C-alpha cells in the first residue's frame, strides 16, 4: 500500500481516520506475515510466550482478580515492538491472548469456562 492508499482510506467513515493508525495497520500486517514465515504460523509464535508452550487456565473467583497484563503479554509486546509492530502494548497483547483462547480467564463456576475446557474454544 502507498501513501495514496492511506489518503483514500482517510476518507472512509467506517474506520478510525488517524493517519498514524492506518499506516501502523499496514506495517503490522507486514510484520505479521514476517512472523508467519519465521515461525510457520502466528499460532506457533504465540505459543513461544507460554510456559511449556501451553495455554494458561486461570482460576479466578472475581473480576477484580483478572489482570490487564501479565509477564507473558509484557514479553510478547516487547518482542512485537522490537519486530516493528506499532500500537501494540501489553494490554492489547493480553486481550488478544484472552480472545484467542491462549488464556482462559473465565471465572470459577462459569459455564463458558467448563465448555472451553471440555469442548475447546467456542
N, C-alpha and C. Protein backbone atom coordinates (compact mmCIF):
# COMPACT_ATOMS: atom_id res chain seq x y z
N UNK A 1 0.83 -1.18 0.00
CA UNK A 1 0.00 0.00 0.00
C UNK A 1 0.88 1.25 0.00
N UNK A 2 0.37 2.27 -0.59
CA UNK A 2 1.13 3.51 -0.74
C UNK A 2 0.48 4.64 0.06
N UNK A 3 1.12 5.80 0.05
CA UNK A 3 0.54 6.96 0.74
C UNK A 3 -0.79 7.37 0.07
N UNK A 4 -0.93 7.10 -1.24
CA UNK A 4 -2.21 7.37 -1.91
C UNK A 4 -3.31 6.48 -1.34
N UNK A 5 -2.97 5.23 -1.03
CA UNK A 5 -3.94 4.32 -0.42
C UNK A 5 -4.35 4.82 0.96
N UNK A 6 -3.40 5.33 1.71
CA UNK A 6 -3.70 5.88 3.03
C UNK A 6 -4.62 7.10 2.90
N UNK A 7 -4.34 7.96 1.92
CA UNK A 7 -5.20 9.12 1.67
C UNK A 7 -6.63 8.67 1.36
N UNK A 8 -6.75 7.64 0.55
CA UNK A 8 -8.07 7.11 0.19
C UNK A 8 -8.77 6.55 1.43
N UNK A 9 -8.05 5.82 2.27
CA UNK A 9 -8.63 5.24 3.48
C UNK A 9 -9.07 6.32 4.47
N UNK A 10 -8.37 7.44 4.47
CA UNK A 10 -8.73 8.53 5.38
C UNK A 10 -10.13 9.08 5.09
N UNK A 11 -10.67 8.79 3.92
CA UNK A 11 -11.99 9.28 3.55
C UNK A 11 -13.13 8.37 4.02
N UNK A 12 -12.82 7.15 4.43
CA UNK A 12 -13.85 6.19 4.84
C UNK A 12 -14.38 6.50 6.24
N UNK A 13 -15.70 6.50 6.37
CA UNK A 13 -16.33 6.72 7.68
C UNK A 13 -16.22 5.50 8.58
N UNK A 14 -16.08 4.32 8.00
CA UNK A 14 -16.13 3.08 8.75
C UNK A 14 -14.86 2.69 9.49
N UNK A 15 -13.81 3.50 9.41
CA UNK A 15 -12.56 3.18 10.11
C UNK A 15 -12.11 4.38 10.93
N UNK A 16 -11.19 4.14 11.82
CA UNK A 16 -10.59 5.24 12.58
C UNK A 16 -9.73 6.03 11.60
N UNK A 17 -10.05 7.28 11.43
CA UNK A 17 -9.34 8.10 10.44
C UNK A 17 -8.19 8.83 11.10
N UNK A 18 -7.19 8.07 11.41
CA UNK A 18 -5.97 8.58 12.01
C UNK A 18 -4.83 8.04 11.13
N UNK A 19 -4.15 8.95 10.48
CA UNK A 19 -3.11 8.55 9.51
C UNK A 19 -2.08 7.61 10.13
N UNK A 20 -1.65 7.91 11.36
CA UNK A 20 -0.64 7.06 12.00
C UNK A 20 -1.16 5.65 12.27
N UNK A 21 -2.43 5.55 12.66
CA UNK A 21 -3.00 4.23 12.93
C UNK A 21 -3.21 3.44 11.64
N UNK A 22 -3.61 4.11 10.57
CA UNK A 22 -3.75 3.42 9.28
C UNK A 22 -2.38 2.93 8.81
N UNK A 23 -1.38 3.79 8.90
CA UNK A 23 -0.02 3.39 8.49
C UNK A 23 0.49 2.24 9.36
N UNK A 24 0.19 2.29 10.65
CA UNK A 24 0.65 1.21 11.54
C UNK A 24 -0.05 -0.10 11.23
N UNK A 25 -1.29 -0.04 10.78
CA UNK A 25 -2.00 -1.26 10.40
C UNK A 25 -1.30 -1.93 9.21
N UNK A 26 -0.87 -1.13 8.28
CA UNK A 26 -0.14 -1.66 7.12
C UNK A 26 1.20 -2.24 7.57
N UNK A 27 1.92 -1.51 8.42
CA UNK A 27 3.20 -2.00 8.96
C UNK A 27 2.98 -3.29 9.74
N UNK A 28 1.96 -3.31 10.60
CA UNK A 28 1.69 -4.50 11.41
C UNK A 28 1.36 -5.71 10.55
N UNK A 29 0.65 -5.50 9.45
CA UNK A 29 0.33 -6.61 8.55
C UNK A 29 1.61 -7.19 7.96
N UNK A 30 2.54 -6.33 7.59
CA UNK A 30 3.83 -6.82 7.05
C UNK A 30 4.61 -7.58 8.12
N UNK A 31 4.59 -7.07 9.34
CA UNK A 31 5.28 -7.74 10.46
C UNK A 31 4.64 -9.09 10.76
N UNK A 32 3.32 -9.14 10.69
CA UNK A 32 2.58 -10.39 10.92
C UNK A 32 3.00 -11.45 9.91
N UNK A 33 3.07 -11.07 8.65
CA UNK A 33 3.48 -12.00 7.59
C UNK A 33 4.91 -12.49 7.84
N UNK A 34 5.79 -11.59 8.29
CA UNK A 34 7.17 -11.98 8.58
C UNK A 34 7.21 -13.01 9.72
N UNK A 35 6.38 -12.82 10.73
CA UNK A 35 6.33 -13.78 11.85
C UNK A 35 5.81 -15.13 11.35
N UNK A 36 4.80 -15.12 10.50
CA UNK A 36 4.29 -16.37 9.95
C UNK A 36 5.38 -17.12 9.20
N UNK A 37 6.17 -16.40 8.44
CA UNK A 37 7.26 -17.04 7.69
C UNK A 37 8.32 -17.60 8.63
N UNK A 38 8.67 -16.83 9.66
CA UNK A 38 9.71 -17.25 10.60
C UNK A 38 9.28 -18.43 11.46
N UNK A 39 8.06 -18.42 11.97
CA UNK A 39 7.60 -19.43 12.92
C UNK A 39 6.72 -20.51 12.30
N UNK A 40 6.35 -20.35 11.04
CA UNK A 40 5.45 -21.30 10.40
C UNK A 40 3.98 -20.90 10.55
N UNK A 41 3.66 -20.17 11.62
CA UNK A 41 2.31 -19.65 11.85
C UNK A 41 2.36 -18.66 13.01
N UNK A 42 1.36 -17.79 13.08
CA UNK A 42 1.30 -16.87 14.20
C UNK A 42 0.96 -17.65 15.48
N UNK A 43 0.25 -18.74 15.34
CA UNK A 43 -0.07 -19.62 16.48
C UNK A 43 1.21 -20.09 17.17
N UNK A 44 2.16 -20.57 16.39
CA UNK A 44 3.43 -21.04 16.98
C UNK A 44 4.20 -19.91 17.64
N UNK A 45 4.15 -18.74 17.04
CA UNK A 45 4.78 -17.57 17.65
C UNK A 45 4.14 -17.29 19.00
N UNK A 46 2.81 -17.28 19.05
CA UNK A 46 2.10 -17.03 20.31
C UNK A 46 2.49 -18.04 21.38
N UNK A 47 2.53 -19.30 21.01
CA UNK A 47 2.86 -20.34 21.99
C UNK A 47 4.25 -20.15 22.59
N UNK A 48 5.14 -19.50 21.86
CA UNK A 48 6.51 -19.32 22.36
C UNK A 48 6.56 -18.47 23.63
N UNK A 49 5.48 -17.78 23.97
CA UNK A 49 5.46 -16.93 25.16
C UNK A 49 4.88 -17.63 26.39
N UNK A 50 4.46 -18.88 26.23
CA UNK A 50 3.79 -19.58 27.33
C UNK A 50 4.66 -20.70 27.88
N UNK A 51 4.64 -20.86 29.21
CA UNK A 51 5.39 -21.95 29.84
C UNK A 51 4.94 -23.30 29.26
N UNK A 52 5.88 -24.10 28.82
CA UNK A 52 5.55 -25.40 28.23
C UNK A 52 4.78 -25.29 26.94
N UNK A 53 4.74 -24.10 26.36
CA UNK A 53 4.01 -23.82 25.12
C UNK A 53 2.56 -24.32 25.18
N UNK A 54 1.93 -24.11 26.35
CA UNK A 54 0.53 -24.49 26.54
C UNK A 54 -0.26 -23.28 27.01
N UNK A 55 -1.52 -23.20 26.58
CA UNK A 55 -2.38 -22.10 27.06
C UNK A 55 -2.51 -22.11 28.59
N UNK A 56 -2.86 -20.97 29.14
CA UNK A 56 -2.98 -20.81 30.59
C UNK A 56 -4.46 -20.82 30.98
N UNK A 57 -4.78 -21.61 32.00
CA UNK A 57 -6.14 -21.62 32.55
C UNK A 57 -6.03 -21.05 33.96
N UNK A 58 -6.64 -19.89 34.16
CA UNK A 58 -6.61 -19.26 35.48
C UNK A 58 -7.84 -19.68 36.28
N UNK A 59 -7.75 -19.53 37.58
CA UNK A 59 -8.82 -19.95 38.49
C UNK A 59 -9.30 -18.78 39.33
N UNK A 60 -9.72 -17.73 38.65
CA UNK A 60 -10.17 -16.53 39.35
C UNK A 60 -11.60 -16.71 39.84
N UNK A 61 -11.87 -16.10 40.98
CA UNK A 61 -13.22 -16.16 41.57
C UNK A 61 -13.98 -14.85 41.41
N UNK A 62 -13.27 -13.76 41.14
CA UNK A 62 -13.95 -12.47 40.94
C UNK A 62 -13.27 -11.70 39.81
N UNK A 63 -14.03 -10.79 39.22
CA UNK A 63 -13.50 -9.98 38.11
C UNK A 63 -12.31 -9.13 38.54
N UNK A 64 -12.28 -8.75 39.81
CA UNK A 64 -11.18 -7.91 40.32
C UNK A 64 -9.83 -8.62 40.23
N UNK A 65 -9.84 -9.94 40.20
CA UNK A 65 -8.60 -10.70 40.16
C UNK A 65 -7.98 -10.77 38.77
N UNK A 66 -8.76 -10.52 37.74
CA UNK A 66 -8.28 -10.68 36.37
C UNK A 66 -7.36 -9.51 36.02
N UNK A 67 -6.12 -9.81 35.64
CA UNK A 67 -5.17 -8.73 35.32
C UNK A 67 -5.43 -8.14 33.93
N UNK A 68 -4.83 -7.00 33.69
CA UNK A 68 -4.90 -6.41 32.34
C UNK A 68 -3.63 -6.70 31.56
N UNK A 69 -2.58 -7.08 32.26
CA UNK A 69 -1.33 -7.50 31.63
C UNK A 69 -0.74 -8.64 32.45
N UNK A 70 0.17 -9.36 31.86
CA UNK A 70 0.87 -10.45 32.54
C UNK A 70 2.33 -10.44 32.07
N UNK A 71 3.19 -11.19 32.72
CA UNK A 71 4.56 -11.29 32.21
C UNK A 71 4.60 -11.79 30.75
N UNK A 72 3.67 -12.69 30.40
CA UNK A 72 3.63 -13.21 29.03
C UNK A 72 3.24 -12.11 28.03
N UNK A 73 2.23 -11.30 28.40
CA UNK A 73 1.82 -10.23 27.49
C UNK A 73 2.88 -9.13 27.42
N UNK A 74 3.57 -8.90 28.54
CA UNK A 74 4.68 -7.93 28.54
C UNK A 74 5.78 -8.39 27.58
N UNK A 75 6.13 -9.67 27.65
CA UNK A 75 7.18 -10.22 26.79
C UNK A 75 6.77 -10.18 25.32
N UNK A 76 5.51 -10.52 25.05
CA UNK A 76 5.03 -10.51 23.67
C UNK A 76 5.04 -9.09 23.11
N UNK A 77 4.55 -8.13 23.90
CA UNK A 77 4.53 -6.74 23.45
C UNK A 77 5.94 -6.24 23.16
N UNK A 78 6.85 -6.52 24.06
CA UNK A 78 8.24 -6.09 23.88
C UNK A 78 8.83 -6.68 22.60
N UNK A 79 8.58 -7.97 22.37
CA UNK A 79 9.11 -8.63 21.18
C UNK A 79 8.46 -8.07 19.92
N UNK A 80 7.15 -7.84 19.97
CA UNK A 80 6.47 -7.31 18.79
C UNK A 80 6.96 -5.91 18.44
N UNK A 81 7.19 -5.09 19.45
CA UNK A 81 7.72 -3.75 19.20
C UNK A 81 9.11 -3.84 18.59
N UNK A 82 9.92 -4.78 19.09
CA UNK A 82 11.26 -4.98 18.54
C UNK A 82 11.19 -5.39 17.07
N UNK A 83 10.14 -6.12 16.70
CA UNK A 83 9.95 -6.57 15.33
C UNK A 83 9.32 -5.51 14.43
N UNK A 84 8.95 -4.36 15.01
CA UNK A 84 8.43 -3.26 14.21
C UNK A 84 6.94 -2.99 14.35
N UNK A 85 6.22 -3.77 15.16
CA UNK A 85 4.78 -3.53 15.35
C UNK A 85 4.57 -2.17 16.03
N UNK A 86 3.47 -1.54 15.70
CA UNK A 86 3.10 -0.25 16.28
C UNK A 86 1.76 -0.38 16.99
N UNK A 87 1.54 0.46 18.01
CA UNK A 87 0.29 0.46 18.78
C UNK A 87 -0.02 -0.94 19.31
N UNK A 88 0.96 -1.61 19.87
CA UNK A 88 0.76 -2.99 20.32
C UNK A 88 1.34 -3.17 21.71
N UNK A 89 0.69 -2.57 22.71
CA UNK A 89 1.16 -2.65 24.08
C UNK A 89 0.75 -3.94 24.76
N UNK A 90 1.17 -4.08 26.00
CA UNK A 90 0.93 -5.30 26.77
C UNK A 90 -0.55 -5.57 26.99
N UNK A 91 -1.36 -4.53 27.22
CA UNK A 91 -2.79 -4.73 27.44
C UNK A 91 -3.45 -5.28 26.18
N UNK A 92 -3.08 -4.76 25.02
CA UNK A 92 -3.61 -5.27 23.74
C UNK A 92 -3.20 -6.73 23.56
N UNK A 93 -1.95 -7.04 23.88
CA UNK A 93 -1.48 -8.43 23.74
C UNK A 93 -2.27 -9.36 24.66
N UNK A 94 -2.52 -8.91 25.91
CA UNK A 94 -3.25 -9.77 26.84
C UNK A 94 -4.70 -9.96 26.36
N UNK A 95 -5.32 -8.90 25.88
CA UNK A 95 -6.69 -9.02 25.36
C UNK A 95 -6.72 -10.01 24.18
N UNK A 96 -5.70 -9.95 23.34
CA UNK A 96 -5.61 -10.90 22.21
C UNK A 96 -5.45 -12.32 22.72
N UNK A 97 -4.62 -12.51 23.74
CA UNK A 97 -4.43 -13.85 24.32
C UNK A 97 -5.75 -14.39 24.87
N UNK A 98 -6.53 -13.53 25.51
CA UNK A 98 -7.83 -13.94 26.05
C UNK A 98 -8.80 -14.27 24.91
N UNK A 99 -8.87 -13.39 23.93
CA UNK A 99 -9.83 -13.54 22.84
C UNK A 99 -9.57 -14.77 21.98
N UNK A 100 -8.32 -15.17 21.88
CA UNK A 100 -7.96 -16.30 21.02
C UNK A 100 -7.82 -17.61 21.79
N UNK A 101 -8.07 -17.59 23.09
CA UNK A 101 -8.06 -18.83 23.86
C UNK A 101 -6.71 -19.24 24.40
N UNK A 102 -5.71 -18.39 24.28
CA UNK A 102 -4.41 -18.71 24.87
C UNK A 102 -4.43 -18.54 26.38
N UNK A 103 -5.37 -17.73 26.86
CA UNK A 103 -5.58 -17.54 28.30
C UNK A 103 -7.07 -17.70 28.55
N UNK A 104 -7.42 -18.57 29.50
CA UNK A 104 -8.82 -18.75 29.89
C UNK A 104 -9.00 -18.06 31.24
N UNK A 105 -9.61 -16.89 31.22
CA UNK A 105 -9.85 -16.11 32.43
C UNK A 105 -11.30 -16.17 32.89
N UNK A 106 -12.08 -17.10 32.33
CA UNK A 106 -13.46 -17.22 32.80
C UNK A 106 -13.43 -17.57 34.28
N UNK A 107 -14.36 -17.00 35.02
CA UNK A 107 -14.41 -17.20 36.47
C UNK A 107 -14.79 -18.64 36.82
N UNK A 108 -14.36 -19.06 38.00
CA UNK A 108 -14.74 -20.38 38.51
C UNK A 108 -16.26 -20.48 38.52
N UNK A 109 -16.78 -21.58 38.05
CA UNK A 109 -18.22 -21.77 38.01
C UNK A 109 -18.89 -21.25 36.75
N UNK A 110 -18.17 -20.55 35.91
CA UNK A 110 -18.74 -20.01 34.67
C UNK A 110 -18.94 -21.16 33.67
N UNK A 111 -20.12 -21.22 33.07
CA UNK A 111 -20.42 -22.28 32.10
C UNK A 111 -19.46 -22.24 30.91
N UNK A 112 -19.06 -21.05 30.50
CA UNK A 112 -18.14 -20.91 29.36
C UNK A 112 -16.78 -21.54 29.67
N UNK A 113 -16.32 -21.37 30.90
CA UNK A 113 -15.03 -21.94 31.28
C UNK A 113 -15.06 -23.45 31.13
N UNK A 114 -16.09 -24.05 31.64
CA UNK A 114 -16.20 -25.52 31.56
C UNK A 114 -16.35 -25.97 30.12
N UNK A 115 -17.11 -25.25 29.31
CA UNK A 115 -17.30 -25.62 27.91
C UNK A 115 -15.97 -25.57 27.17
N UNK A 116 -15.19 -24.54 27.41
CA UNK A 116 -13.89 -24.41 26.75
C UNK A 116 -12.97 -25.55 27.16
N UNK A 117 -12.97 -25.89 28.45
CA UNK A 117 -12.10 -26.96 28.94
C UNK A 117 -12.48 -28.31 28.37
N UNK A 118 -13.78 -28.54 28.13
CA UNK A 118 -14.20 -29.84 27.63
C UNK A 118 -14.31 -29.89 26.11
N UNK A 119 -14.79 -28.81 25.49
CA UNK A 119 -15.04 -28.82 24.04
C UNK A 119 -14.01 -28.04 23.24
N UNK A 120 -13.20 -27.25 23.90
CA UNK A 120 -12.28 -26.35 23.19
C UNK A 120 -12.94 -25.00 23.01
N UNK A 121 -12.19 -24.01 22.52
CA UNK A 121 -12.72 -22.65 22.36
C UNK A 121 -13.98 -22.63 21.51
N UNK A 122 -14.92 -21.74 21.87
CA UNK A 122 -16.18 -21.60 21.13
C UNK A 122 -16.06 -20.56 20.05
